[in-house]
Amino acid sequence: MRQDIKKIRNLLKEYAKLKQEIRTFNQVSSPVLSVAPSHSGGNGVENSLINYVDLSYQLKEVNDALNAIHDPQYLFILHDYVIEKRFTRSEACERLSVSVSKFNYLKNKALLLFKNLYNL
């Protein structure tokens, strides 16, 4: 179970980076697709588009799983504590009015719920 928790935490930590990559990709002007043969060994435009679609799909999957969670404590832990890193553990405990052990219990429950909804 501990490996599952680590895997989920790492995925959620990468979520913010993933959102930034999508924003950056969207800011780049749209590439012009050409039917002329290229002298290079690969197609950079095609690779960029495939990467964009893959990132978009991953982002959508995480968003769908997060949107399926209705418990405000779990959402706070997943979004504000794990993804955005807005609070330290002690600050999060204070906001939720719980002890550190109760917070860890809630965090693990939230991560496992996310795992089930994300189908890891």
C-alpha atoms as a PDB file:
ATOM      1  CA  MET A   1       0.000   0.000   0.000  1.00  0.00           C
ATOM      2  CA  ARG A   2       2.871   2.401   0.711  1.00  0.00           C
ATOM      3  CA  GLN A   3       4.100   2.160  -2.900  1.00  0.00           C
ATOM      4  CA  ASP A   4       0.604   3.020  -4.135  1.00  0.00           C
ATOM      5  CA  ILE A   5       0.557   6.137  -1.963  1.00  0.00           C
ATOM      6  CA  LYS A   6       3.967   7.218  -3.268  1.00  0.00           C
ATOM      7  CA  LYS A   7       2.920   6.631  -6.874  1.00  0.00           C
ATOM      8  CA  ILE A   8      -0.260   8.672  -6.453  1.00  0.00           C
ATOM      9  CA  ARG A   9       1.555  11.524  -4.673  1.00  0.00           C
ATOM     10  CA  ASN A  10       4.134  11.681  -7.453  1.00  0.00           C
ATOM     11  CA  LEU A  11       1.409  11.732 -10.100  1.00  0.00           C
ATOM     12  CA  LEU A  12      -0.381  14.593  -8.375  1.00  0.00           C
ATOM     13  CA  LYS A  13       2.865  16.489  -7.874  1.00  0.00           C
ATOM     14  CA  GLU A  14       3.496  16.217 -11.615  1.00  0.00           C
ATOM     15  CA  TYR A  15      -0.048  17.434 -12.311  1.00  0.00           C
ATOM     16  CA  ALA A  16       0.856  21.108 -11.800  1.00  0.00           C
ATOM     17  CA  LYS A  17       3.869  20.709 -14.095  1.00  0.00           C
ATOM     18  CA  LEU A  18       1.672  19.019 -16.662  1.00  0.00           C
ATOM     19  CA  LYS A  19      -0.802  21.906 -16.591  1.00  0.00           C
ATOM     20  CA  GLN A  20       2.062  24.349 -17.153  1.00  0.00           C
ATOM     21  CA  GLU A  21       3.382  22.315 -20.099  1.00  0.00           C
ATOM     22  CA  ILE A  22      -0.063  22.385 -21.698  1.00  0.00           C
ATOM     23  CA  ARG A  23      -0.289  26.168 -21.171  1.00  0.00           C
ATOM     24  CA  THR A  24       3.158  26.627 -22.686  1.00  0.00           C
ATOM     25  CA  PHE A  25       2.288  24.453 -25.675  1.00  0.00           C
ATOM     26  CA  ASN A  26      -0.923  26.414 -26.237  1.00  0.00           C
ATOM     27  CA  GLN A  27       1.007  29.692 -26.270  1.00  0.00           C
ATOM     28  CA  VAL A  28       3.219  28.508 -29.109  1.00  0.00           C
ATOM     29  CA  SER A  29       1.755  29.379 -32.501  1.00  0.00           C
ATOM     30  CA  SER A  30       0.129  26.575 -34.399  1.00  0.00           C
ATOM     31  CA  PRO A  31       2.569  24.780 -36.682  1.00  0.00           C
ATOM     32  CA  VAL A  32       1.975  24.673 -40.411  1.00  0.00           C
ATOM     33  CA  LEU A  33       1.671  21.138 -41.673  1.00  0.00           C
ATOM     34  CA  SER A  34       3.372  20.551 -44.993  1.00  0.00           C
ATOM     35  CA  VAL A  35       2.955  17.700 -47.452  1.00  0.00           C
ATOM     36  CA  ALA A  36       6.456  18.290 -48.777  1.00  0.00           C
ATOM     37  CA  PRO A  37       8.945  15.623 -47.757  1.00  0.00           C
ATOM     38  CA  SER A  38      11.275  16.549 -44.961  1.00  0.00           C
ATOM     39  CA  HIS A  39      15.015  15.975 -45.098  1.00  0.00           C
ATOM     40  CA  SER A  40      15.222  15.334 -41.385  1.00  0.00           C
ATOM     41  CA  GLY A  41      14.825  11.890 -39.877  1.00  0.00           C
ATOM     42  CA  GLY A  42      11.732  12.817 -37.875  1.00  0.00           C
ATOM     43  CA  ASN A  43       8.699  15.013 -38.000  1.00  0.00           C
ATOM     44  CA  GLY A  44       8.925  17.596 -35.215  1.00  0.00           C
ATOM     45  CA  VAL A  45       5.404  18.894 -35.782  1.00  0.00           C
ATOM     46  CA  GLU A  46       3.927  15.416 -35.603  1.00  0.00           C
ATOM     47  CA  ASN A  47       5.904  14.593 -32.459  1.00  0.00           C
ATOM     48  CA  SER A  48       4.781  17.858 -30.844  1.00  0.00           C
ATOM     49  CA  LEU A  49       1.148  17.154 -31.644  1.00  0.00           C
ATOM     50  CA  ILE A  50       1.368  13.603 -30.318  1.00  0.00           C
ATOM     51  CA  ASN A  51       3.017  14.888 -27.137  1.00  0.00           C
ATOM     52  CA  TYR A  52       0.297  17.549 -26.767  1.00  0.00           C
ATOM     53  CA  VAL A  53      -2.494  14.993 -27.167  1.00  0.00           C
ATOM     54  CA  ASP A  54      -0.824  12.701 -24.639  1.00  0.00           C
ATOM     55  CA  LEU A  55      -0.405  15.526 -22.116  1.00  0.00           C
ATOM     56  CA  SER A  56      -3.985  16.673 -22.675  1.00  0.00           C
ATOM     57  CA  TYR A  57      -5.296  13.163 -22.107  1.00  0.00           C
ATOM     58  CA  GLN A  58      -3.303  12.755 -18.889  1.00  0.00           C
ATOM     59  CA  LEU A  59      -4.523  16.141 -17.667  1.00  0.00           C
ATOM     60  CA  LYS A  60      -8.133  15.227 -18.450  1.00  0.00           C
ATOM     61  CA  GLU A  61      -7.842  11.915 -16.595  1.00  0.00           C
ATOM     62  CA  VAL A  62      -6.511  13.632 -13.455  1.00  0.00           C
ATOM     63  CA  ASN A  63      -9.164  16.376 -13.701  1.00  0.00           C
ATOM     64  CA  ASP A  64     -11.937  13.804 -14.073  1.00  0.00           C
ATOM     65  CA  ALA A  65     -10.733  11.890 -11.021  1.00  0.00           C
ATOM     66  CA  LEU A  66     -10.432  15.078  -8.936  1.00  0.00           C
ATOM     67  CA  ASN A  67     -13.871  16.294 -10.048  1.00  0.00           C
ATOM     68  CA  ALA A  68     -15.405  12.992  -8.932  1.00  0.00           C
ATOM     69  CA  ILE A  69     -14.299  13.633  -5.334  1.00  0.00           C
ATOM     70  CA  HIS A  70     -16.954  15.467  -3.346  1.00  0.00           C
ATOM     71  CA  ASP A  71     -15.484  15.441   0.161  1.00  0.00           C
ATOM     72  CA  PRO A  72     -14.145  18.973   0.816  1.00  0.00           C
ATOM     73  CA  GLN A  73     -11.455  17.690   3.203  1.00  0.00           C
ATOM     74  CA  TYR A  74     -10.127  15.278   0.589  1.00  0.00           C
ATOM     75  CA  LEU A  75     -10.207  17.970  -2.097  1.00  0.00           C
ATOM     76  CA  PHE A  76      -8.334  20.376   0.171  1.00  0.00           C
ATOM     77  CA  ILE A  77      -5.675  17.771   0.890  1.00  0.00           C
ATOM     78  CA  LEU A  78      -5.264  16.703  -2.735  1.00  0.00           C
ATOM     79  CA  HIS A  79      -5.407  20.137  -4.324  1.00  0.00           C
ATOM     80  CA  ASP A  80      -4.058  22.609  -1.787  1.00  0.00           C
ATOM     81  CA  TYR A  81      -1.632  20.360   0.080  1.00  0.00           C
ATOM     82  CA  VAL A  82      -0.359  17.817  -2.468  1.00  0.00           C
ATOM     83  CA  ILE A  83      -0.751  19.512  -5.868  1.00  0.00           C
ATOM     84  CA  GLU A  84      -0.373  23.228  -5.170  1.00  0.00           C
ATOM     85  CA  LYS A  85       1.740  22.862  -2.001  1.00  0.00           C
ATOM     86  CA  ARG A  86       0.068  25.935  -0.498  1.00  0.00           C
ATOM     87  CA  PHE A  87       0.317  24.704   3.075  1.00  0.00           C
ATOM     88  CA  THR A  88       2.723  22.844   5.297  1.00  0.00           C
ATOM     89  CA  ARG A  89       1.432  19.788   7.092  1.00  0.00           C
ATOM     90  CA  SER A  90       0.983  21.713  10.333  1.00  0.00           C
ATOM     91  CA  GLU A  91      -0.902  24.504   8.518  1.00  0.00           C
ATOM     92  CA  ALA A  92      -3.115  21.932   6.801  1.00  0.00           C
ATOM     93  CA  CYS A  93      -3.810  20.266  10.159  1.00  0.00           C
ATOM     94  CA  GLU A  94      -4.757  23.638  11.591  1.00  0.00           C
ATOM     95  CA  ARG A  95      -7.083  24.440   8.682  1.00  0.00           C
ATOM     96  CA  LEU A  96      -8.816  21.095   9.000  1.00  0.00           C
ATOM     97  CA  SER A  97      -8.766  21.213  12.826  1.00  0.00           C
ATOM     98  CA  VAL A  98      -7.221  17.752  13.085  1.00  0.00           C
ATOM     99  CA  SER A  99      -4.158  16.181  14.665  1.00  0.00           C
ATOM    100  CA  VAL A 100      -1.150  15.174  12.572  1.00  0.00           C
ATOM    101  CA  SER A 101      -2.078  11.496  12.805  1.00  0.00           C
ATOM    102  CA  LYS A 102      -5.669  12.224  11.751  1.00  0.00           C
ATOM    103  CA  PHE A 103      -4.364  14.367   8.878  1.00  0.00           C
ATOM    104  CA  ASN A 104      -2.100  11.537   7.701  1.00  0.00           C
ATOM    105  CA  TYR A 105      -5.051   9.156   7.882  1.00  0.00           C
ATOM    106  CA  LEU A 106      -7.231  11.555   5.841  1.00  0.00           C
ATOM    107  CA  LYS A 107      -4.420  12.156   3.345  1.00  0.00           C
ATOM    108  CA  ASN A 108      -3.961   8.427   2.751  1.00  0.00           C
ATOM    109  CA  LYS A 109      -7.720   7.950   2.374  1.00  0.00           C
ATOM    110  CA  ALA A 110      -7.867  10.846  -0.120  1.00  0.00           C
ATOM    111  CA  LEU A 111      -4.948   9.452  -2.115  1.00  0.00           C
ATOM    112  CA  LEU A 112      -6.480   5.978  -2.228  1.00  0.00           C
ATOM    113  CA  LEU A 113      -9.832   7.408  -3.296  1.00  0.00           C
ATOM    114  CA  PHE A 114      -8.077   9.319  -6.062  1.00  0.00           C
ATOM    115  CA  LYS A 115      -6.250   6.130  -7.075  1.00  0.00           C
ATOM    116  CA  ASN A 116      -9.533   4.249  -7.419  1.00  0.00           C
ATOM    117  CA  LEU A 117     -11.095   7.036  -9.454  1.00  0.00           C
ATOM    118  CA  TYR A 118      -8.004   7.452 -11.641  1.00  0.00           C
ATOM    119  CA  ASN A 119      -7.760   3.679 -12.154  1.00  0.00           C
ATOM    120  CA  LEU A 120      -4.052   3.330 -11.380  1.00  0.00           C
END
